[in-house]
C-alpha atoms as a PDB file:
ATOM      1  CA  MET A   1       0.000   0.000   0.000  1.00  0.00           C
ATOM      2  CA  VAL A   2       2.910   2.332   0.758  1.00  0.00           C
ATOM      3  CA  ARG A   3       4.439   1.617  -2.634  1.00  0.00           C
ATOM      4  CA  ILE A   4       1.201   2.531  -4.417  1.00  0.00           C
ATOM      5  CA  PHE A   5       0.967   5.737  -2.392  1.00  0.00           C
ATOM      6  CA  LEU A   6       4.578   6.680  -3.195  1.00  0.00           C
ATOM      7  CA  TYR A   7       3.995   5.915  -6.858  1.00  0.00           C
ATOM      8  CA  LEU A   8       0.910   8.120  -7.026  1.00  0.00           C
ATOM      9  CA  VAL A   9       2.590  10.961  -5.150  1.00  0.00           C
ATOM     10  CA  GLY A  10       5.601  10.683  -7.470  1.00  0.00           C
ATOM     11  CA  PHE A  11       3.336  10.698 -10.494  1.00  0.00           C
ATOM     12  CA  GLY A  12       1.596  13.838  -9.265  1.00  0.00           C
ATOM     13  CA  PHE A  13       4.908  15.577  -8.560  1.00  0.00           C
ATOM     14  CA  SER A  14       6.301  14.679 -11.962  1.00  0.00           C
ATOM     15  CA  VAL A  15       3.168  15.893 -13.754  1.00  0.00           C
ATOM     16  CA  VAL A  16       3.217  19.234 -11.947  1.00  0.00           C
ATOM     17  CA  GLY A  17       6.957  19.700 -12.415  1.00  0.00           C
ATOM     18  CA  GLY A  18       6.860  18.708 -16.075  1.00  0.00           C
ATOM     19  CA  MET A  19       3.929  21.019 -16.703  1.00  0.00           C
ATOM     20  CA  MET A  20       5.818  23.923 -15.152  1.00  0.00           C
ATOM     21  CA  ILE A  21       8.939  23.171 -17.206  1.00  0.00           C
ATOM     22  CA  ILE A  22       6.835  23.166 -20.385  1.00  0.00           C
ATOM     23  CA  THR A  23       5.013  26.324 -19.284  1.00  0.00           C
ATOM     24  CA  TYR A  24       8.302  28.149 -18.810  1.00  0.00           C
ATOM     25  CA  LEU A  25       9.178  27.369 -22.434  1.00  0.00           C
ATOM     26  CA  ASN A  26       6.995  30.385 -23.263  1.00  0.00           C
ATOM     27  CA  ILE A  27       9.684  32.731 -21.931  1.00  0.00           C
ATOM     28  CA  ILE A  28      12.156  31.753 -24.644  1.00  0.00           C
ATOM     29  CA  THR A  29      12.560  34.582 -27.134  1.00  0.00           C
ATOM     30  CA  PRO A  30      15.182  35.055 -29.843  1.00  0.00           C
ATOM     31  CA  GLU A  31      17.116  37.343 -27.491  1.00  0.00           C
ATOM     32  CA  ARG A  32      17.187  34.695 -24.768  1.00  0.00           C
ATOM     33  CA  GLY A  33      18.834  31.374 -25.468  1.00  0.00           C
ATOM     34  CA  TRP A  34      18.529  27.864 -24.139  1.00  0.00           C
ATOM     35  CA  SER A  35      21.234  28.447 -21.562  1.00  0.00           C
ATOM     36  CA  GLU A  36      19.250  31.286 -19.977  1.00  0.00           C
ATOM     37  CA  TYR A  37      16.135  29.087 -20.011  1.00  0.00           C
ATOM     38  CA  PHE A  38      17.905  26.248 -18.194  1.00  0.00           C
ATOM     39  CA  PHE A  39      19.376  28.706 -15.698  1.00  0.00           C
ATOM     40  CA  TYR A  40      15.891  30.133 -15.089  1.00  0.00           C
ATOM     41  CA  ILE A  41      14.200  26.770 -14.486  1.00  0.00           C
ATOM     42  CA  CYS A  42      17.039  25.733 -12.172  1.00  0.00           C
ATOM     43  CA  MET A  43      16.158  28.729 -10.000  1.00  0.00           C
ATOM     44  CA  ARG A  44      12.441  27.866  -9.831  1.00  0.00           C
ATOM     45  CA  GLY A  45      11.485  25.592  -6.957  1.00  0.00           C
ATOM     46  CA  GLU A  46       8.478  23.987  -8.612  1.00  0.00           C
ATOM     47  CA  CYS A  47      10.652  22.633 -11.423  1.00  0.00           C
ATOM     48  CA  TYR A  48      12.438  20.420  -8.883  1.00  0.00           C
ATOM     49  CA  LEU A  49       9.192  18.483  -8.443  1.00  0.00           C
ATOM     50  CA  PHE A  50       9.794  16.678 -11.742  1.00  0.00           C
ATOM     51  CA  PRO A  51      13.025  14.865 -10.793  1.00  0.00           C
ATOM     52  CA  ILE A  52      11.722  14.237  -7.265  1.00  0.00           C
ATOM     53  CA  GLY A  53       8.586  12.662  -8.703  1.00  0.00           C
ATOM     54  CA  VAL A  54      10.540  10.515 -11.136  1.00  0.00           C
ATOM     55  CA  LEU A  55      12.770   9.287  -8.302  1.00  0.00           C
ATOM     56  CA  LEU A  56       9.744   8.457  -6.141  1.00  0.00           C
ATOM     57  CA  MET A  57       8.119   6.499  -8.962  1.00  0.00           C
ATOM     58  CA  TRP A  58      11.376   4.714  -9.790  1.00  0.00           C
ATOM     59  CA  GLY A  59      11.955   3.867  -6.145  1.00  0.00           C
ATOM     60  CA  SER A  60       8.462   2.492  -5.630  1.00  0.00           C
ATOM     61  CA  LEU A  61       8.788   0.270  -8.690  1.00  0.00           C
ATOM     62  CA  TYR A  62      12.408  -0.790  -8.326  1.00  0.00           C
ATOM     63  CA  PHE A  63      12.729  -1.734  -4.675  1.00  0.00           C
ATOM     64  CA  PRO A  64      10.971  -4.953  -3.768  1.00  0.00           C
ATOM     65  CA  GLY A  65       8.240  -4.938  -1.168  1.00  0.00           C
ATOM     66  CA  ARG A  66       8.089  -7.019   1.962  1.00  0.00           C
ATOM     67  CA  GLU A  67       7.177 -10.602   1.339  1.00  0.00           C
ATOM     68  CA  SER A  68       5.230 -12.360   4.060  1.00  0.00           C
END
């Protein structure tokens, strides 16, 4: 049950973080390059939800559960 909960929380985090990363793609203009975009999303806290969510999902799927 804990693994399912961690998976769902990780999925929610990764969706929110990925959505914010895609949303911030709108700030790219010809004057601003990709390097400034990556620097900007590294400074935004909500963009860290994506890797945290992926790690939670990976951890809930990779590590075996308790066998009784």
